[in-house]
Amino acid sequence: MYEALVAVVDLDLPACALIACGGIHTEAQARAALVAGASAVQIDSAVWVEPGLPGRLAEALRR
């Protein structure tokens, strides 16, 4: 799912922050994007469906 992100990370661009967006609907997906090399993740439409998601993501990523 995160092949494009990994491909950009592999370019080893200097001082380039990568933000994963689109398809982030769960804690596992957010963690996978960060592990793949994202500097941050954006959640958008998932918040409309699941308003408690930001808090759960923050808590899960602290662990």
PDB file of N, CA and C in Angstrom:
ATOM      1  N   MET A   1       0.819  -1.204   0.000  1.00  0.00           N
ATOM      2  CA  MET A   1       0.000   0.000   0.000  1.00  0.00           C
ATOM      3  C   MET A   1       0.860   1.264   0.000  1.00  0.00           C
ATOM      4  N   TYR A   2       2.038   1.180   0.564  1.00  0.00           N
ATOM      5  CA  TYR A   2       2.862   2.378   0.707  1.00  0.00           C
ATOM      6  C   TYR A   2       4.103   2.335  -0.181  1.00  0.00           C
ATOM      7  N   GLU A   3       4.010   1.665  -1.320  1.00  0.00           N
ATOM      8  CA  GLU A   3       5.154   1.530  -2.217  1.00  0.00           C
ATOM      9  C   GLU A   3       5.660   2.882  -2.707  1.00  0.00           C
ATOM     10  N   ALA A   4       4.754   3.793  -3.033  1.00  0.00           N
ATOM     11  CA  ALA A   4       5.161   5.117  -3.522  1.00  0.00           C
ATOM     12  C   ALA A   4       5.915   5.878  -2.440  1.00  0.00           C
ATOM     13  N   LEU A   5       5.451   5.787  -1.211  1.00  0.00           N
ATOM     14  CA  LEU A   5       6.119   6.452  -0.098  1.00  0.00           C
ATOM     15  C   LEU A   5       7.528   5.900   0.076  1.00  0.00           C
ATOM     16  N   VAL A   6       7.658   4.591   0.064  1.00  0.00           N
ATOM     17  CA  VAL A   6       8.970   3.958   0.204  1.00  0.00           C
ATOM     18  C   VAL A   6       9.878   4.372  -0.952  1.00  0.00           C
ATOM     19  N   ALA A   7       9.341   4.454  -2.155  1.00  0.00           N
ATOM     20  CA  ALA A   7      10.142   4.853  -3.316  1.00  0.00           C
ATOM     21  C   ALA A   7      10.685   6.270  -3.151  1.00  0.00           C
ATOM     22  N   VAL A   8       9.881   7.172  -2.621  1.00  0.00           N
ATOM     23  CA  VAL A   8      10.343   8.547  -2.405  1.00  0.00           C
ATOM     24  C   VAL A   8      11.365   8.586  -1.278  1.00  0.00           C
ATOM     25  N   VAL A   9      11.132   7.845  -0.212  1.00  0.00           N
ATOM     26  CA  VAL A   9      12.098   7.775   0.891  1.00  0.00           C
ATOM     27  C   VAL A   9      13.438   7.279   0.362  1.00  0.00           C
ATOM     28  N   ASP A  10      13.410   6.293  -0.509  1.00  0.00           N
ATOM     29  CA  ASP A  10      14.639   5.722  -1.066  1.00  0.00           C
ATOM     30  C   ASP A  10      15.427   6.722  -1.913  1.00  0.00           C
ATOM     31  N   LEU A  11      14.789   7.802  -2.355  1.00  0.00           N
ATOM     32  CA  LEU A  11      15.507   8.835  -3.109  1.00  0.00           C
ATOM     33  C   LEU A  11      16.471   9.608  -2.219  1.00  0.00           C
ATOM     34  N   ASP A  12      16.280   9.510  -0.896  1.00  0.00           N
ATOM     35  CA  ASP A  12      17.155  10.152   0.092  1.00  0.00           C
ATOM     36  C   ASP A  12      17.292  11.656  -0.169  1.00  0.00           C
ATOM     37  N   LEU A  13      16.167  12.316  -0.350  1.00  0.00           N
ATOM     38  CA  LEU A  13      16.154  13.754  -0.586  1.00  0.00           C
ATOM     39  C   LEU A  13      16.519  14.500   0.693  1.00  0.00           C
ATOM     40  N   PRO A  14      17.351  15.532   0.598  1.00  0.00           N
ATOM     41  CA  PRO A  14      17.744  16.265   1.806  1.00  0.00           C
ATOM     42  C   PRO A  14      16.584  17.095   2.362  1.00  0.00           C
ATOM     43  N   ALA A  15      16.419  17.027   3.654  1.00  0.00           N
ATOM     44  CA  ALA A  15      15.433  17.850   4.369  1.00  0.00           C
ATOM     45  C   ALA A  15      14.056  17.831   3.715  1.00  0.00           C
ATOM     46  N   CYS A  16      13.592  16.661   3.395  1.00  0.00           N
ATOM     47  CA  CYS A  16      12.294  16.530   2.737  1.00  0.00           C
ATOM     48  C   CYS A  16      11.320  15.821   3.676  1.00  0.00           C
ATOM     49  N   ALA A  17      10.324  16.552   4.159  1.00  0.00           N
ATOM     50  CA  ALA A  17       9.293  15.945   5.001  1.00  0.00           C
ATOM     51  C   ALA A  17       8.231  15.323   4.105  1.00  0.00           C
ATOM     52  N   LEU A  18       7.892  14.086   4.382  1.00  0.00           N
ATOM     53  CA  LEU A  18       6.872  13.386   3.600  1.00  0.00           C
ATOM     54  C   LEU A  18       5.639  13.181   4.457  1.00  0.00           C
ATOM     55  N   ILE A  19       4.499  13.592   3.961  1.00  0.00           N
ATOM     56  CA  ILE A  19       3.243  13.447   4.688  1.00  0.00           C
ATOM     57  C   ILE A  19       2.368  12.460   3.931  1.00  0.00           C
ATOM     58  N   ALA A  20       2.035  11.369   4.592  1.00  0.00           N
ATOM     59  CA  ALA A  20       1.169  10.351   3.984  1.00  0.00           C
ATOM     60  C   ALA A  20      -0.276  10.799   4.133  1.00  0.00           C
ATOM     61  N   CYS A  21      -1.012  10.789   3.040  1.00  0.00           N
ATOM     62  CA  CYS A  21      -2.424  11.153   3.103  1.00  0.00           C
ATOM     63  C   CYS A  21      -3.200  10.281   2.126  1.00  0.00           C
ATOM     64  N   GLY A  22      -4.430  10.062   2.465  1.00  0.00           N
ATOM     65  CA  GLY A  22      -5.275   9.199   1.645  1.00  0.00           C
ATOM     66  C   GLY A  22      -5.179   7.766   2.110  1.00  0.00           C
ATOM     67  N   GLY A  23      -6.284   7.215   2.505  1.00  0.00           N
ATOM     68  CA  GLY A  23      -6.312   5.815   2.915  1.00  0.00           C
ATOM     69  C   GLY A  23      -5.899   5.560   4.343  1.00  0.00           C
ATOM     70  N   ILE A  24      -5.731   6.604   5.139  1.00  0.00           N
ATOM     71  CA  ILE A  24      -5.372   6.425   6.547  1.00  0.00           C
ATOM     72  C   ILE A  24      -6.673   6.443   7.348  1.00  0.00           C
ATOM     73  N   HIS A  25      -7.113   5.256   7.759  1.00  0.00           N
ATOM     74  CA  HIS A  25      -8.383   5.135   8.486  1.00  0.00           C
ATOM     75  C   HIS A  25      -8.243   4.389   9.804  1.00  0.00           C
ATOM     76  N   THR A  26      -7.071   3.831  10.069  1.00  0.00           N
ATOM     77  CA  THR A  26      -6.878   3.051  11.296  1.00  0.00           C
ATOM     78  C   THR A  26      -5.515   3.355  11.900  1.00  0.00           C
ATOM     79  N   GLU A  27      -5.367   2.955  13.159  1.00  0.00           N
ATOM     80  CA  GLU A  27      -4.082   3.096  13.831  1.00  0.00           C
ATOM     81  C   GLU A  27      -3.008   2.311  13.088  1.00  0.00           C
ATOM     82  N   ALA A  28      -3.338   1.114  12.635  1.00  0.00           N
ATOM     83  CA  ALA A  28      -2.367   0.267  11.932  1.00  0.00           C
ATOM     84  C   ALA A  28      -1.902   0.924  10.632  1.00  0.00           C
ATOM     85  N   GLN A  29      -2.811   1.555   9.908  1.00  0.00           N
ATOM     86  CA  GLN A  29      -2.435   2.220   8.657  1.00  0.00           C
ATOM     87  C   GLN A  29      -1.540   3.431   8.928  1.00  0.00           C
ATOM     88  N   ALA A  30      -1.849   4.184   9.976  1.00  0.00           N
ATOM     89  CA  ALA A  30      -1.014   5.333  10.328  1.00  0.00           C
ATOM     90  C   ALA A  30       0.382   4.865  10.711  1.00  0.00           C
ATOM     91  N   ARG A  31       0.459   3.841  11.534  1.00  0.00           N
ATOM     92  CA  ARG A  31       1.759   3.309  11.954  1.00  0.00           C
ATOM     93  C   ARG A  31       2.533   2.780  10.745  1.00  0.00           C
ATOM     94  N   ALA A  32       1.860   2.082   9.840  1.00  0.00           N
ATOM     95  CA  ALA A  32       2.523   1.533   8.652  1.00  0.00           C
ATOM     96  C   ALA A  32       3.109   2.653   7.793  1.00  0.00           C
ATOM     97  N   ALA A  33       2.377   3.741   7.646  1.00  0.00           N
ATOM     98  CA  ALA A  33       2.879   4.870   6.860  1.00  0.00           C
ATOM     99  C   ALA A  33       4.105   5.485   7.523  1.00  0.00           C
ATOM    100  N   LEU A  34       4.074   5.618   8.839  1.00  0.00           N
ATOM    101  CA  LEU A  34       5.220   6.176   9.558  1.00  0.00           C
ATOM    102  C   LEU A  34       6.420   5.243   9.481  1.00  0.00           C
ATOM    103  N   VAL A  35       6.187   3.951   9.622  1.00  0.00           N
ATOM    104  CA  VAL A  35       7.272   2.969   9.515  1.00  0.00           C
ATOM    105  C   VAL A  35       7.859   2.981   8.101  1.00  0.00           C
ATOM    106  N   ALA A  36       7.014   3.203   7.101  1.00  0.00           N
ATOM    107  CA  ALA A  36       7.473   3.240   5.709  1.00  0.00           C
ATOM    108  C   ALA A  36       8.309   4.480   5.409  1.00  0.00           C
ATOM    109  N   GLY A  37       8.268   5.473   6.315  1.00  0.00           N
ATOM    110  CA  GLY A  37       9.107   6.652   6.136  1.00  0.00           C
ATOM    111  C   GLY A  37       8.404   7.988   6.155  1.00  0.00           C
ATOM    112  N   ALA A  38       7.105   7.998   6.347  1.00  0.00           N
ATOM    113  CA  ALA A  38       6.386   9.276   6.411  1.00  0.00           C
ATOM    114  C   ALA A  38       6.805  10.054   7.652  1.00  0.00           C
ATOM    115  N   SER A  39       6.888  11.365   7.515  1.00  0.00           N
ATOM    116  CA  SER A  39       7.174  12.235   8.653  1.00  0.00           C
ATOM    117  C   SER A  39       5.916  12.476   9.474  1.00  0.00           C
ATOM    118  N   ALA A  40       4.779  12.405   8.802  1.00  0.00           N
ATOM    119  CA  ALA A  40       3.483  12.636   9.439  1.00  0.00           C
ATOM    120  C   ALA A  40       2.408  11.955   8.599  1.00  0.00           C
ATOM    121  N   VAL A  41       1.227  11.823   9.182  1.00  0.00           N
ATOM    122  CA  VAL A  41       0.089  11.291   8.437  1.00  0.00           C
ATOM    123  C   VAL A  41      -1.059  12.292   8.521  1.00  0.00           C
ATOM    124  N   GLN A  42      -1.842  12.346   7.474  1.00  0.00           N
ATOM    125  CA  GLN A  42      -3.020  13.211   7.436  1.00  0.00           C
ATOM    126  C   GLN A  42      -4.254  12.326   7.434  1.00  0.00           C
ATOM    127  N   ILE A  43      -5.177  12.646   8.299  1.00  0.00           N
ATOM    128  CA  ILE A  43      -6.470  11.961   8.272  1.00  0.00           C
ATOM    129  C   ILE A  43      -7.503  13.017   7.929  1.00  0.00           C
ATOM    130  N   ASP A  44      -8.412  12.667   7.067  1.00  0.00           N
ATOM    131  CA  ASP A  44      -9.387  13.655   6.608  1.00  0.00           C
ATOM    132  C   ASP A  44     -10.783  13.075   6.685  1.00  0.00           C
ATOM    133  N   SER A  45     -11.206  12.387   5.657  1.00  0.00           N
ATOM    134  CA  SER A  45     -12.578  11.879   5.611  1.00  0.00           C
ATOM    135  C   SER A  45     -12.854  10.874   6.718  1.00  0.00           C
ATOM    136  N   ALA A  46     -11.834  10.195   7.202  1.00  0.00           N
ATOM    137  CA  ALA A  46     -12.025   9.225   8.282  1.00  0.00           C
ATOM    138  C   ALA A  46     -12.577   9.898   9.535  1.00  0.00           C
ATOM    139  N   VAL A  47     -12.221  11.159   9.748  1.00  0.00           N
ATOM    140  CA  VAL A  47     -12.690  11.887  10.934  1.00  0.00           C
ATOM    141  C   VAL A  47     -14.196  12.120  10.866  1.00  0.00           C
ATOM    142  N   TRP A  48     -14.729  12.306   9.674  1.00  0.00           N
ATOM    143  CA  TRP A  48     -16.172  12.510   9.526  1.00  0.00           C
ATOM    144  C   TRP A  48     -16.932  11.235   9.861  1.00  0.00           C
ATOM    145  N   VAL A  49     -16.352  10.109   9.516  1.00  0.00           N
ATOM    146  CA  VAL A  49     -16.997   8.824   9.777  1.00  0.00           C
ATOM    147  C   VAL A  49     -16.769   8.389  11.219  1.00  0.00           C
ATOM    148  N   GLU A  50     -15.590   8.692  11.731  1.00  0.00           N
ATOM    149  CA  GLU A  50     -15.194   8.237  13.055  1.00  0.00           C
ATOM    150  C   GLU A  50     -14.540   9.388  13.822  1.00  0.00           C
ATOM    151  N   PRO A  51     -15.330  10.262  14.459  1.00  0.00           N
ATOM    152  CA  PRO A  51     -14.798  11.454  15.116  1.00  0.00           C
ATOM    153  C   PRO A  51     -13.769  11.179  16.214  1.00  0.00           C
ATOM    154  N   GLY A  52     -13.779  10.005  16.816  1.00  0.00           N
ATOM    155  CA  GLY A  52     -12.822   9.683  17.874  1.00  0.00           C
ATOM    156  C   GLY A  52     -11.468   9.231  17.361  1.00  0.00           C
ATOM    157  N   LEU A  53     -11.314   9.131  16.047  1.00  0.00           N
ATOM    158  CA  LEU A  53     -10.076   8.612  15.469  1.00  0.00           C
ATOM    159  C   LEU A  53      -8.832   9.422  15.835  1.00  0.00           C
ATOM    160  N   PRO A  54      -8.839  10.743  15.784  1.00  0.00           N
ATOM    161  CA  PRO A  54      -7.608  11.476  16.113  1.00  0.00           C
ATOM    162  C   PRO A  54      -7.065  11.149  17.506  1.00  0.00           C
ATOM    163  N   GLY A  55      -7.933  11.080  18.481  1.00  0.00           N
ATOM    164  CA  GLY A  55      -7.490  10.741  19.835  1.00  0.00           C
ATOM    165  C   GLY A  55      -6.928   9.338  19.924  1.00  0.00           C
ATOM    166  N   ARG A  56      -7.597   8.392  19.270  1.00  0.00           N
ATOM    167  CA  ARG A  56      -7.110   7.004  19.279  1.00  0.00           C
ATOM    168  C   ARG A  56      -5.771   6.879  18.565  1.00  0.00           C
ATOM    169  N   LEU A  57      -5.630   7.603  17.454  1.00  0.00           N
ATOM    170  CA  LEU A  57      -4.354   7.571  16.735  1.00  0.00           C
ATOM    171  C   LEU A  57      -3.237   8.130  17.603  1.00  0.00           C
ATOM    172  N   ALA A  58      -3.484   9.261  18.222  1.00  0.00           N
ATOM    173  CA  ALA A  58      -2.463   9.874  19.077  1.00  0.00           C
ATOM    174  C   ALA A  58      -2.062   8.929  20.200  1.00  0.00           C
ATOM    175  N   GLU A  59      -3.030   8.321  20.836  1.00  0.00           N
ATOM    176  CA  GLU A  59      -2.743   7.387  21.934  1.00  0.00           C
ATOM    177  C   GLU A  59      -1.981   6.167  21.426  1.00  0.00           C
ATOM    178  N   ALA A  60      -2.408   5.603  20.318  1.00  0.00           N
ATOM    179  CA  ALA A  60      -1.757   4.404  19.778  1.00  0.00           C
ATOM    180  C   ALA A  60      -0.321   4.698  19.361  1.00  0.00           C
ATOM    181  N   LEU A  61      -0.080   5.868  18.799  1.00  0.00           N
ATOM    182  CA  LEU A  61       1.261   6.188  18.318  1.00  0.00           C
ATOM    183  C   LEU A  61       2.203   6.582  19.443  1.00  0.00           C
ATOM    184  N   ARG A  62       1.671   6.908  20.605  1.00  0.00           N
ATOM    185  CA  ARG A  62       2.522   7.173  21.774  1.00  0.00           C
ATOM    186  C   ARG A  62       3.152   5.896  22.302  1.00  0.00           C
ATOM    187  N   ARG A  63       2.486   4.767  22.062  1.00  0.00           N
ATOM    188  CA  ARG A  63       2.982   3.480  22.588  1.00  0.00           C
ATOM    189  C   ARG A  63       4.120   2.948  21.782  1.00  0.00           C
TER     190      ARG A  63
END
